[in-house]
Amino acid sequence: MAYDEALADRIRGLIGDRSDLTEKKMFGGLAFLVGGHMSVAASGQGGLLVHCAREDTEALRAEPHAGPMIMRGREMEGWLRVAPEGVDTQDGLEPWVRRGVDYAQSLPPKG
């Protein structure tokens, strides 16, 4: 499954024009990197991937439509998968994008 291009456009609209923003095809989707760190991605499996602080992962997984990001059979701490129905409205998408961007910009920029 290809990533949802309409979702990618909505993410672009929320992130806005940033000099430290790059887009990169990753994990079968389209990732949005801030300062070289992935913030969010339109997932190739549908929905959204969100980068967050490791210590927040468990609490955020309890949010509606959120769950673990599983890679190679392992749950990834500091990452979430948000189901498509959790990001089908701007009100649903915006807090997740903001959370991912805020976390990515809190990290030292990659050179």
PDB file of N, CA and C in Angstrom:
ATOM      1  N   MET A   1       0.845  -1.184   0.000  1.00  0.00           N
ATOM      2  CA  MET A   1       0.000   0.000   0.000  1.00  0.00           C
ATOM      3  C   MET A   1       0.891   1.248   0.000  1.00  0.00           C
ATOM      4  N   ALA A   2       0.586   2.178  -0.855  1.00  0.00           N
ATOM      5  CA  ALA A   2       1.319   3.446  -0.900  1.00  0.00           C
ATOM      6  C   ALA A   2       0.762   4.374   0.188  1.00  0.00           C
ATOM      7  N   TYR A   3       1.586   5.325   0.598  1.00  0.00           N
ATOM      8  CA  TYR A   3       1.105   6.273   1.598  1.00  0.00           C
ATOM      9  C   TYR A   3       0.023   7.169   1.002  1.00  0.00           C
ATOM     10  N   ASP A   4      -0.778   7.749   1.864  1.00  0.00           N
ATOM     11  CA  ASP A   4      -1.897   8.607   1.492  1.00  0.00           C
ATOM     12  C   ASP A   4      -1.362  10.003   1.157  1.00  0.00           C
ATOM     13  N   GLU A   5      -1.371  10.343  -0.124  1.00  0.00           N
ATOM     14  CA  GLU A   5      -0.828  11.629  -0.558  1.00  0.00           C
ATOM     15  C   GLU A   5      -1.645  12.803  -0.039  1.00  0.00           C
ATOM     16  N   ALA A   6      -2.947  12.619   0.118  1.00  0.00           N
ATOM     17  CA  ALA A   6      -3.775  13.688   0.685  1.00  0.00           C
ATOM     18  C   ALA A   6      -3.385  13.936   2.137  1.00  0.00           C
ATOM     19  N   LEU A   7      -3.093  12.866   2.879  1.00  0.00           N
ATOM     20  CA  LEU A   7      -2.623  13.024   4.253  1.00  0.00           C
ATOM     21  C   LEU A   7      -1.282  13.750   4.270  1.00  0.00           C
ATOM     22  N   ALA A   8      -0.386  13.393   3.379  1.00  0.00           N
ATOM     23  CA  ALA A   8       0.911  14.069   3.299  1.00  0.00           C
ATOM     24  C   ALA A   8       0.719  15.565   3.044  1.00  0.00           C
ATOM     25  N   ASP A   9      -0.207  15.923   2.170  1.00  0.00           N
ATOM     26  CA  ASP A   9      -0.487  17.341   1.896  1.00  0.00           C
ATOM     27  C   ASP A   9      -1.028  18.045   3.136  1.00  0.00           C
ATOM     28  N   ARG A  10      -1.882  17.367   3.876  1.00  0.00           N
ATOM     29  CA  ARG A  10      -2.428  17.960   5.113  1.00  0.00           C
ATOM     30  C   ARG A  10      -1.326  18.162   6.144  1.00  0.00           C
ATOM     31  N   ILE A  11      -0.396  17.207   6.231  1.00  0.00           N
ATOM     32  CA  ILE A  11       0.740  17.344   7.148  1.00  0.00           C
ATOM     33  C   ILE A  11       1.577  18.553   6.745  1.00  0.00           C
ATOM     34  N   ARG A  12       1.867  18.684   5.446  1.00  0.00           N
ATOM     35  CA  ARG A  12       2.635  19.839   4.948  1.00  0.00           C
ATOM     36  C   ARG A  12       1.971  21.152   5.361  1.00  0.00           C
ATOM     37  N   GLY A  13       0.664  21.205   5.227  1.00  0.00           N
ATOM     38  CA  GLY A  13      -0.073  22.415   5.585  1.00  0.00           C
ATOM     39  C   GLY A  13       0.038  22.757   7.058  1.00  0.00           C
ATOM     40  N   LEU A  14       0.078  21.735   7.899  1.00  0.00           N
ATOM     41  CA  LEU A  14       0.195  21.968   9.341  1.00  0.00           C
ATOM     42  C   LEU A  14       1.617  22.343   9.747  1.00  0.00           C
ATOM     43  N   ILE A  15       2.599  21.717   9.131  1.00  0.00           N
ATOM     44  CA  ILE A  15       3.991  22.014   9.484  1.00  0.00           C
ATOM     45  C   ILE A  15       4.392  23.387   8.961  1.00  0.00           C
ATOM     46  N   GLY A  16       3.917  23.729   7.785  1.00  0.00           N
ATOM     47  CA  GLY A  16       4.232  25.036   7.218  1.00  0.00           C
ATOM     48  C   GLY A  16       5.606  25.069   6.578  1.00  0.00           C
ATOM     49  N   ASP A  17       6.022  26.264   6.222  1.00  0.00           N
ATOM     50  CA  ASP A  17       7.285  26.482   5.532  1.00  0.00           C
ATOM     51  C   ASP A  17       8.403  26.643   6.564  1.00  0.00           C
ATOM     52  N   ARG A  18       9.254  25.660   6.654  1.00  0.00           N
ATOM     53  CA  ARG A  18      10.368  25.671   7.611  1.00  0.00           C
ATOM     54  C   ARG A  18      11.658  25.407   6.858  1.00  0.00           C
ATOM     55  N   SER A  19      12.699  26.152   7.190  1.00  0.00           N
ATOM     56  CA  SER A  19      13.984  25.938   6.526  1.00  0.00           C
ATOM     57  C   SER A  19      14.639  24.627   6.953  1.00  0.00           C
ATOM     58  N   ASP A  20      14.245  24.082   8.110  1.00  0.00           N
ATOM     59  CA  ASP A  20      14.845  22.843   8.617  1.00  0.00           C
ATOM     60  C   ASP A  20      14.007  21.608   8.301  1.00  0.00           C
ATOM     61  N   LEU A  21      13.021  21.735   7.415  1.00  0.00           N
ATOM     62  CA  LEU A  21      12.139  20.628   7.066  1.00  0.00           C
ATOM     63  C   LEU A  21      12.618  19.934   5.796  1.00  0.00           C
ATOM     64  N   THR A  22      12.682  18.607   5.858  1.00  0.00           N
ATOM     65  CA  THR A  22      12.936  17.808   4.660  1.00  0.00           C
ATOM     66  C   THR A  22      11.924  16.669   4.637  1.00  0.00           C
ATOM     67  N   GLU A  23      11.648  16.200   3.456  1.00  0.00           N
ATOM     68  CA  GLU A  23      10.761  15.048   3.274  1.00  0.00           C
ATOM     69  C   GLU A  23      11.589  13.908   2.705  1.00  0.00           C
ATOM     70  N   LYS A  24      11.316  12.709   3.192  1.00  0.00           N
ATOM     71  CA  LYS A  24      12.093  11.561   2.753  1.00  0.00           C
ATOM     72  C   LYS A  24      11.201  10.322   2.758  1.00  0.00           C
ATOM     73  N   LYS A  25      11.295   9.532   1.708  1.00  0.00           N
ATOM     74  CA  LYS A  25      10.543   8.283   1.677  1.00  0.00           C
ATOM     75  C   LYS A  25      11.234   7.292   2.615  1.00  0.00           C
ATOM     76  N   MET A  26      10.486   6.838   3.606  1.00  0.00           N
ATOM     77  CA  MET A  26      10.996   5.904   4.619  1.00  0.00           C
ATOM     78  C   MET A  26       9.859   4.992   5.071  1.00  0.00           C
ATOM     79  N   PHE A  27      10.197   3.780   5.467  1.00  0.00           N
ATOM     80  CA  PHE A  27       9.231   2.841   6.042  1.00  0.00           C
ATOM     81  C   PHE A  27       8.012   2.654   5.139  1.00  0.00           C
ATOM     82  N   GLY A  28       8.169   2.779   3.829  1.00  0.00           N
ATOM     83  CA  GLY A  28       7.059   2.631   2.909  1.00  0.00           C
ATOM     84  C   GLY A  28       6.131   3.827   2.881  1.00  0.00           C
ATOM     85  N   GLY A  29       6.516   4.910   3.540  1.00  0.00           N
ATOM     86  CA  GLY A  29       5.690   6.110   3.581  1.00  0.00           C
ATOM     87  C   GLY A  29       6.515   7.343   3.284  1.00  0.00           C
ATOM     88  N   LEU A  30       6.005   8.485   3.682  1.00  0.00           N
ATOM     89  CA  LEU A  30       6.694   9.748   3.487  1.00  0.00           C
ATOM     90  C   LEU A  30       6.917  10.388   4.847  1.00  0.00           C
ATOM     91  N   ALA A  31       8.195  10.508   5.235  1.00  0.00           N
ATOM     92  CA  ALA A  31       8.561  11.066   6.540  1.00  0.00           C
ATOM     93  C   ALA A  31       8.852  12.553   6.410  1.00  0.00           C
ATOM     94  N   PHE A  32       8.529  13.285   7.459  1.00  0.00           N
ATOM     95  CA  PHE A  32       8.806  14.709   7.557  1.00  0.00           C
ATOM     96  C   PHE A  32       9.848  14.885   8.653  1.00  0.00           C
ATOM     97  N   LEU A  33      11.046  15.312   8.250  1.00  0.00           N
ATOM     98  CA  LEU A  33      12.164  15.465   9.176  1.00  0.00           C
ATOM     99  C   LEU A  33      12.354  16.937   9.529  1.00  0.00           C
ATOM    100  N   VAL A  34      12.523  17.202  10.798  1.00  0.00           N
ATOM    101  CA  VAL A  34      12.775  18.548  11.296  1.00  0.00           C
ATOM    102  C   VAL A  34      14.153  18.526  11.937  1.00  0.00           C
ATOM    103  N   GLY A  35      15.054  19.331  11.414  1.00  0.00           N
ATOM    104  CA  GLY A  35      16.419  19.336  11.921  1.00  0.00           C
ATOM    105  C   GLY A  35      17.113  17.999  11.740  1.00  0.00           C
ATOM    106  N   GLY A  36      16.674  17.223  10.753  1.00  0.00           N
ATOM    107  CA  GLY A  36      17.262  15.911  10.488  1.00  0.00           C
ATOM    108  C   GLY A  36      16.631  14.776  11.268  1.00  0.00           C
ATOM    109  N   HIS A  37      15.669  15.073  12.133  1.00  0.00           N
ATOM    110  CA  HIS A  37      14.988  14.051  12.936  1.00  0.00           C
ATOM    111  C   HIS A  37      13.575  13.846  12.420  1.00  0.00           C
ATOM    112  N   MET A  38      13.165  12.589  12.276  1.00  0.00           N
ATOM    113  CA  MET A  38      11.804  12.323  11.843  1.00  0.00           C
ATOM    114  C   MET A  38      10.834  12.847  12.891  1.00  0.00           C
ATOM    115  N   SER A  39       9.827  13.555  12.444  1.00  0.00           N
ATOM    116  CA  SER A  39       8.803  14.059  13.359  1.00  0.00           C
ATOM    117  C   SER A  39       7.531  13.223  13.211  1.00  0.00           C
ATOM    118  N   VAL A  40       7.021  13.143  11.991  1.00  0.00           N
ATOM    119  CA  VAL A  40       5.846  12.333  11.671  1.00  0.00           C
ATOM    120  C   VAL A  40       6.043  11.760  10.269  1.00  0.00           C
ATOM    121  N   ALA A  41       5.212  10.784   9.940  1.00  0.00           N
ATOM    122  CA  ALA A  41       5.245  10.226   8.589  1.00  0.00           C
ATOM    123  C   ALA A  41       3.854   9.774   8.195  1.00  0.00           C
ATOM    124  N   ALA A  42       3.509  10.012   6.944  1.00  0.00           N
ATOM    125  CA  ALA A  42       2.322   9.400   6.358  1.00  0.00           C
ATOM    126  C   ALA A  42       2.732   7.954   6.079  1.00  0.00           C
ATOM    127  N   SER A  43       2.145   7.034   6.798  1.00  0.00           N
ATOM    128  CA  SER A  43       2.567   5.639   6.754  1.00  0.00           C
ATOM    129  C   SER A  43       2.097   4.927   5.494  1.00  0.00           C
ATOM    130  N   GLY A  44       2.941   4.074   4.967  1.00  0.00           N
ATOM    131  CA  GLY A  44       2.575   3.230   3.845  1.00  0.00           C
ATOM    132  C   GLY A  44       1.544   2.186   4.230  1.00  0.00           C
ATOM    133  N   GLN A  45       1.331   1.973   5.523  1.00  0.00           N
ATOM    134  CA  GLN A  45       0.320   1.039   6.010  1.00  0.00           C
ATOM    135  C   GLN A  45      -0.965   1.761   6.388  1.00  0.00           C
ATOM    136  N   GLY A  46      -1.018   3.056   6.103  1.00  0.00           N
ATOM    137  CA  GLY A  46      -2.178   3.862   6.463  1.00  0.00           C
ATOM    138  C   GLY A  46      -1.950   4.566   7.786  1.00  0.00           C
ATOM    139  N   GLY A  47      -2.540   5.715   7.935  1.00  0.00           N
ATOM    140  CA  GLY A  47      -2.413   6.469   9.174  1.00  0.00           C
ATOM    141  C   GLY A  47      -1.084   7.198   9.276  1.00  0.00           C
ATOM    142  N   LEU A  48      -0.704   7.450  10.508  1.00  0.00           N
ATOM    143  CA  LEU A  48       0.418   8.321  10.805  1.00  0.00           C
ATOM    144  C   LEU A  48       1.400   7.644  11.757  1.00  0.00           C
ATOM    145  N   LEU A  49       2.690   7.861  11.536  1.00  0.00           N
ATOM    146  CA  LEU A  49       3.719   7.487  12.501  1.00  0.00           C
ATOM    147  C   LEU A  49       4.148   8.768  13.188  1.00  0.00           C
ATOM    148  N   VAL A  50       4.329   8.702  14.495  1.00  0.00           N
ATOM    149  CA  VAL A  50       4.678   9.882  15.288  1.00  0.00           C
ATOM    150  C   VAL A  50       5.886   9.570  16.148  1.00  0.00           C
ATOM    151  N   HIS A  51       6.880  10.450  16.119  1.00  0.00           N
ATOM    152  CA  HIS A  51       8.069  10.343  16.968  1.00  0.00           C
ATOM    153  C   HIS A  51       7.786  11.140  18.238  1.00  0.00           C
ATOM    154  N   CYS A  52       8.047  10.528  19.383  1.00  0.00           N
ATOM    155  CA  CYS A  52       7.772  11.183  20.666  1.00  0.00           C
ATOM    156  C   CYS A  52       8.858  10.797  21.665  1.00  0.00           C
ATOM    157  N   ALA A  53       8.846  11.449  22.803  1.00  0.00           N
ATOM    158  CA  ALA A  53       9.793  11.108  23.862  1.00  0.00           C
ATOM    159  C   ALA A  53       9.509   9.688  24.360  1.00  0.00           C
ATOM    160  N   ARG A  54      10.570   8.931  24.586  1.00  0.00           N
ATOM    161  CA  ARG A  54      10.415   7.545  25.057  1.00  0.00           C
ATOM    162  C   ARG A  54       9.546   7.469  26.313  1.00  0.00           C
ATOM    163  N   GLU A  55       9.756   8.415  27.218  1.00  0.00           N
ATOM    164  CA  GLU A  55       9.018   8.378  28.484  1.00  0.00           C
ATOM    165  C   GLU A  55       7.527   8.689  28.317  1.00  0.00           C
ATOM    166  N   ASP A  56       7.127   9.222  27.175  1.00  0.00           N
ATOM    167  CA  ASP A  56       5.722   9.527  26.917  1.00  0.00           C
ATOM    168  C   ASP A  56       5.011   8.428  26.135  1.00  0.00           C
ATOM    169  N   THR A  57       5.760   7.471  25.622  1.00  0.00           N
ATOM    170  CA  THR A  57       5.211   6.467  24.713  1.00  0.00           C
ATOM    171  C   THR A  57       4.023   5.728  25.315  1.00  0.00           C
ATOM    172  N   GLU A  58       4.168   5.199  26.493  1.00  0.00           N
ATOM    173  CA  GLU A  58       3.115   4.378  27.085  1.00  0.00           C
ATOM    174  C   GLU A  58       1.828   5.173  27.281  1.00  0.00           C
ATOM    175  N   ALA A  59       1.934   6.377  27.823  1.00  0.00           N
ATOM    176  CA  ALA A  59       0.740   7.192  28.043  1.00  0.00           C
ATOM    177  C   ALA A  59       0.069   7.568  26.728  1.00  0.00           C
ATOM    178  N   LEU A  60       0.851   7.897  25.712  1.00  0.00           N
ATOM    179  CA  LEU A  60       0.282   8.293  24.427  1.00  0.00           C
ATOM    180  C   LEU A  60      -0.384   7.136  23.708  1.00  0.00           C
ATOM    181  N   ARG A  61       0.084   5.923  23.945  1.00  0.00           N
ATOM    182  CA  ARG A  61      -0.551   4.749  23.328  1.00  0.00           C
ATOM    183  C   ARG A  61      -1.974   4.558  23.834  1.00  0.00           C
ATOM    184  N   ALA A  62      -2.298   5.144  24.966  1.00  0.00           N
ATOM    185  CA  ALA A  62      -3.647   5.032  25.523  1.00  0.00           C
ATOM    186  C   ALA A  62      -4.629   6.000  24.862  1.00  0.00           C
ATOM    187  N   GLU A  63      -4.112   6.932  24.070  1.00  0.00           N
ATOM    188  CA  GLU A  63      -4.981   7.882  23.360  1.00  0.00           C
ATOM    189  C   GLU A  63      -5.804   7.139  22.311  1.00  0.00           C
ATOM    190  N   PRO A  64      -7.015   7.649  21.996  1.00  0.00           N
ATOM    191  CA  PRO A  64      -7.825   6.985  20.967  1.00  0.00           C
ATOM    192  C   PRO A  64      -7.073   6.854  19.651  1.00  0.00           C
ATOM    193  N   HIS A  65      -7.163   5.694  19.048  1.00  0.00           N
ATOM    194  CA  HIS A  65      -6.595   5.371  17.730  1.00  0.00           C
ATOM    195  C   HIS A  65      -5.074   5.237  17.733  1.00  0.00           C
ATOM    196  N   ALA A  66      -4.417   5.420  18.864  1.00  0.00           N
ATOM    197  CA  ALA A  66      -2.951   5.321  18.932  1.00  0.00           C
ATOM    198  C   ALA A  66      -2.553   3.932  19.408  1.00  0.00           C
ATOM    199  N   GLY A  67      -1.416   3.483  18.928  1.00  0.00           N
ATOM    200  CA  GLY A  67      -0.901   2.192  19.345  1.00  0.00           C
ATOM    201  C   GLY A  67       0.590   2.140  19.103  1.00  0.00           C
ATOM    202  N   PRO A  68       1.176   0.996  19.374  1.00  0.00           N
ATOM    203  CA  PRO A  68       2.615   0.880  19.195  1.00  0.00           C
ATOM    204  C   PRO A  68       3.015   0.847  17.723  1.00  0.00           C
ATOM    205  N   MET A  69       4.195   1.356  17.454  1.00  0.00           N
ATOM    206  CA  MET A  69       4.808   1.161  16.141  1.00  0.00           C
ATOM    207  C   MET A  69       5.632  -0.112  16.275  1.00  0.00           C
ATOM    208  N   ILE A  70       5.354  -1.073  15.425  1.00  0.00           N
ATOM    209  CA  ILE A  70       6.058  -2.356  15.493  1.00  0.00           C
ATOM    210  C   ILE A  70       6.935  -2.486  14.260  1.00  0.00           C
ATOM    211  N   MET A  71       8.223  -2.725  14.513  1.00  0.00           N
ATOM    212  CA  MET A  71       9.173  -2.894  13.424  1.00  0.00           C
ATOM    213  C   MET A  71       9.949  -4.183  13.672  1.00  0.00           C
ATOM    214  N   ARG A  72       9.934  -5.038  12.675  1.00  0.00           N
ATOM    215  CA  ARG A  72      10.606  -6.341  12.776  1.00  0.00           C
ATOM    216  C   ARG A  72      10.157  -7.112  14.025  1.00  0.00           C
ATOM    217  N   GLY A  73       8.868  -7.021  14.329  1.00  0.00           N
ATOM    218  CA  GLY A  73       8.299  -7.757  15.442  1.00  0.00           C
ATOM    219  C   GLY A  73       8.500  -7.139  16.811  1.00  0.00           C
ATOM    220  N   ARG A  74       9.128  -5.963  16.869  1.00  0.00           N
ATOM    221  CA  ARG A  74       9.391  -5.302  18.156  1.00  0.00           C
ATOM    222  C   ARG A  74       8.636  -3.987  18.252  1.00  0.00           C
ATOM    223  N   GLU A  75       8.083  -3.731  19.447  1.00  0.00           N
ATOM    224  CA  GLU A  75       7.476  -2.432  19.706  1.00  0.00           C
ATOM    225  C   GLU A  75       8.590  -1.417  19.889  1.00  0.00           C
ATOM    226  N   MET A  76       8.474  -0.293  19.218  1.00  0.00           N
ATOM    227  CA  MET A  76       9.510   0.736  19.250  1.00  0.00           C
ATOM    228  C   MET A  76       9.131   1.828  20.249  1.00  0.00           C
ATOM    229  N   GLU A  77       9.897   1.940  21.312  1.00  0.00           N
ATOM    230  CA  GLU A  77       9.689   3.017  22.281  1.00  0.00           C
ATOM    231  C   GLU A  77      10.021   4.344  21.610  1.00  0.00           C
ATOM    232  N   GLY A  78       9.241   5.370  21.888  1.00  0.00           N
ATOM    233  CA  GLY A  78       9.466   6.675  21.286  1.00  0.00           C
ATOM    234  C   GLY A  78       8.786   6.833  19.937  1.00  0.00           C
ATOM    235  N   TRP A  79       7.976   5.854  19.574  1.00  0.00           N
ATOM    236  CA  TRP A  79       7.263   5.899  18.302  1.00  0.00           C
ATOM    237  C   TRP A  79       5.830   5.418  18.502  1.00  0.00           C
ATOM    238  N   LEU A  80       4.911   5.998  17.751  1.00  0.00           N
ATOM    239  CA  LEU A  80       3.506   5.615  17.808  1.00  0.00           C
ATOM    240  C   LEU A  80       2.971   5.424  16.402  1.00  0.00           C
ATOM    241  N   ARG A  81       1.968   4.611  16.293  1.00  0.00           N
ATOM    242  CA  ARG A  81       1.197   4.493  15.058  1.00  0.00           C
ATOM    243  C   ARG A  81      -0.207   4.981  15.392  1.00  0.00           C
ATOM    244  N   VAL A  82      -0.704   5.928  14.600  1.00  0.00           N
ATOM    245  CA  VAL A  82      -2.065   6.434  14.774  1.00  0.00           C
ATOM    246  C   VAL A  82      -2.878   5.945  13.577  1.00  0.00           C
ATOM    247  N   ALA A  83      -3.969   5.237  13.861  1.00  0.00           N
ATOM    248  CA  ALA A  83      -4.805   4.657  12.817  1.00  0.00           C
ATOM    249  C   ALA A  83      -5.411   5.751  11.932  1.00  0.00           C
ATOM    250  N   PRO A  84      -5.725   5.413  10.685  1.00  0.00           N
ATOM    251  CA  PRO A  84      -6.289   6.412   9.765  1.00  0.00           C
ATOM    252  C   PRO A  84      -7.490   7.168  10.330  1.00  0.00           C
ATOM    253  N   GLU A  85      -8.360   6.470  11.048  1.00  0.00           N
ATOM    254  CA  GLU A  85      -9.537   7.154  11.592  1.00  0.00           C
ATOM    255  C   GLU A  85      -9.180   8.174  12.677  1.00  0.00           C
ATOM    256  N   GLY A  86      -7.987   8.077  13.227  1.00  0.00           N
ATOM    257  CA  GLY A  86      -7.530   9.045  14.230  1.00  0.00           C
ATOM    258  C   GLY A  86      -6.985  10.325  13.632  1.00  0.00           C
ATOM    259  N   VAL A  87      -6.755  10.330  12.312  1.00  0.00           N
ATOM    260  CA  VAL A  87      -6.191  11.516  11.654  1.00  0.00           C
ATOM    261  C   VAL A  87      -7.017  11.936  10.440  1.00  0.00           C
ATOM    262  N   ASP A  88      -8.272  11.476  10.387  1.00  0.00           N
ATOM    263  CA  ASP A  88      -9.086  11.791   9.218  1.00  0.00           C
ATOM    264  C   ASP A  88      -9.676  13.196   9.252  1.00  0.00           C
ATOM    265  N   THR A  89      -9.555  13.893  10.380  1.00  0.00           N
ATOM    266  CA  THR A  89      -9.982  15.291  10.472  1.00  0.00           C
ATOM    267  C   THR A  89      -8.778  16.140  10.871  1.00  0.00           C
ATOM    268  N   GLN A  90      -8.855  17.429  10.594  1.00  0.00           N
ATOM    269  CA  GLN A  90      -7.767  18.335  11.004  1.00  0.00           C
ATOM    270  C   GLN A  90      -7.643  18.348  12.523  1.00  0.00           C
ATOM    271  N   ASP A  91      -8.780  18.316  13.227  1.00  0.00           N
ATOM    272  CA  ASP A  91      -8.737  18.314  14.696  1.00  0.00           C
ATOM    273  C   ASP A  91      -8.071  17.053  15.235  1.00  0.00           C
ATOM    274  N   GLY A  92      -8.175  15.948  14.517  1.00  0.00           N
ATOM    275  CA  GLY A  92      -7.504  14.724  14.930  1.00  0.00           C
ATOM    276  C   GLY A  92      -6.029  14.735  14.569  1.00  0.00           C
ATOM    277  N   LEU A  93      -5.705  15.248  13.393  1.00  0.00           N
ATOM    278  CA  LEU A  93      -4.331  15.234  12.890  1.00  0.00           C
ATOM    279  C   LEU A  93      -3.432  16.258  13.575  1.00  0.00           C
ATOM    280  N   GLU A  94      -3.931  17.455  13.777  1.00  0.00           N
ATOM    281  CA  GLU A  94      -3.097  18.570  14.244  1.00  0.00           C
ATOM    282  C   GLU A  94      -2.335  18.289  15.540  1.00  0.00           C
ATOM    283  N   PRO A  95      -2.959  17.743  16.585  1.00  0.00           N
ATOM    284  CA  PRO A  95      -2.185  17.509  17.819  1.00  0.00           C
ATOM    285  C   PRO A  95      -1.051  16.498  17.639  1.00  0.00           C
ATOM    286  N   TRP A  96      -1.267  15.490  16.785  1.00  0.00           N
ATOM    287  CA  TRP A  96      -0.217  14.500  16.561  1.00  0.00           C
ATOM    288  C   TRP A  96       0.954  15.106  15.803  1.00  0.00           C
ATOM    289  N   VAL A  97       0.651  15.905  14.780  1.00  0.00           N
ATOM    290  CA  VAL A  97       1.715  16.554  14.020  1.00  0.00           C
ATOM    291  C   VAL A  97       2.482  17.513  14.922  1.00  0.00           C
ATOM    292  N   ARG A  98       1.772  18.299  15.701  1.00  0.00           N
ATOM    293  CA  ARG A  98       2.422  19.245  16.616  1.00  0.00           C
ATOM    294  C   ARG A  98       3.326  18.499  17.608  1.00  0.00           C
ATOM    295  N   ARG A  99       2.828  17.385  18.132  1.00  0.00           N
ATOM    296  CA  ARG A  99       3.610  16.604  19.096  1.00  0.00           C
ATOM    297  C   ARG A  99       4.895  16.087  18.453  1.00  0.00           C
ATOM    298  N   GLY A 100       4.802  15.538  17.240  1.00  0.00           N
ATOM    299  CA  GLY A 100       5.983  15.022  16.551  1.00  0.00           C
ATOM    300  C   GLY A 100       6.976  16.116  16.203  1.00  0.00           C
ATOM    301  N   VAL A 101       6.480  17.253  15.703  1.00  0.00           N
ATOM    302  CA  VAL A 101       7.359  18.374  15.347  1.00  0.00           C
ATOM    303  C   VAL A 101       8.015  18.946  16.598  1.00  0.00           C
ATOM    304  N   ASP A 102       7.239  19.138  17.661  1.00  0.00           N
ATOM    305  CA  ASP A 102       7.807  19.667  18.913  1.00  0.00           C
ATOM    306  C   ASP A 102       8.917  18.768  19.430  1.00  0.00           C
ATOM    307  N   TYR A 103       8.692  17.452  19.373  1.00  0.00           N
ATOM    308  CA  TYR A 103       9.727  16.540  19.856  1.00  0.00           C
ATOM    309  C   TYR A 103      10.973  16.608  18.975  1.00  0.00           C
ATOM    310  N   ALA A 104      10.791  16.562  17.665  1.00  0.00           N
ATOM    311  CA  ALA A 104      11.936  16.590  16.754  1.00  0.00           C
ATOM    312  C   ALA A 104      12.752  17.866  16.921  1.00  0.00           C
ATOM    313  N   GLN A 105      12.076  19.010  17.092  1.00  0.00           N
ATOM    314  CA  GLN A 105      12.838  20.249  17.233  1.00  0.00           C
ATOM    315  C   GLN A 105      13.465  20.408  18.615  1.00  0.00           C
ATOM    316  N   SER A 106      13.080  19.553  19.568  1.00  0.00           N
ATOM    317  CA  SER A 106      13.727  19.584  20.886  1.00  0.00           C
ATOM    318  C   SER A 106      15.081  18.879  20.874  1.00  0.00           C
ATOM    319  N   LEU A 107      15.342  18.110  19.808  1.00  0.00           N
ATOM    320  CA  LEU A 107      16.596  17.366  19.695  1.00  0.00           C
ATOM    321  C   LEU A 107      17.660  18.218  19.011  1.00  0.00           C
ATOM    322  N   PRO A 108      18.942  17.986  19.305  1.00  0.00           N
ATOM    323  CA  PRO A 108      19.988  18.747  18.614  1.00  0.00           C
ATOM    324  C   PRO A 108      19.953  18.443  17.118  1.00  0.00           C
ATOM    325  N   PRO A 109      20.068  19.466  16.274  1.00  0.00           N
ATOM    326  CA  PRO A 109      20.039  19.232  14.832  1.00  0.00           C
ATOM    327  C   PRO A 109      21.139  18.263  14.406  1.00  0.00           C
ATOM    328  N   LYS A 110      20.779  17.429  13.442  1.00  0.00           N
ATOM    329  CA  LYS A 110      21.789  16.525  12.870  1.00  0.00           C
ATOM    330  C   LYS A 110      22.574  17.293  11.817  1.00  0.00           C
ATOM    331  N   GLY A 111      23.869  17.066  11.797  1.00  0.00           N
ATOM    332  CA  GLY A 111      24.743  17.784  10.878  1.00  0.00           C
ATOM    333  C   GLY A 111      24.698  17.229   9.539  1.00  0.00           C
TER     334      GLY A 111
END
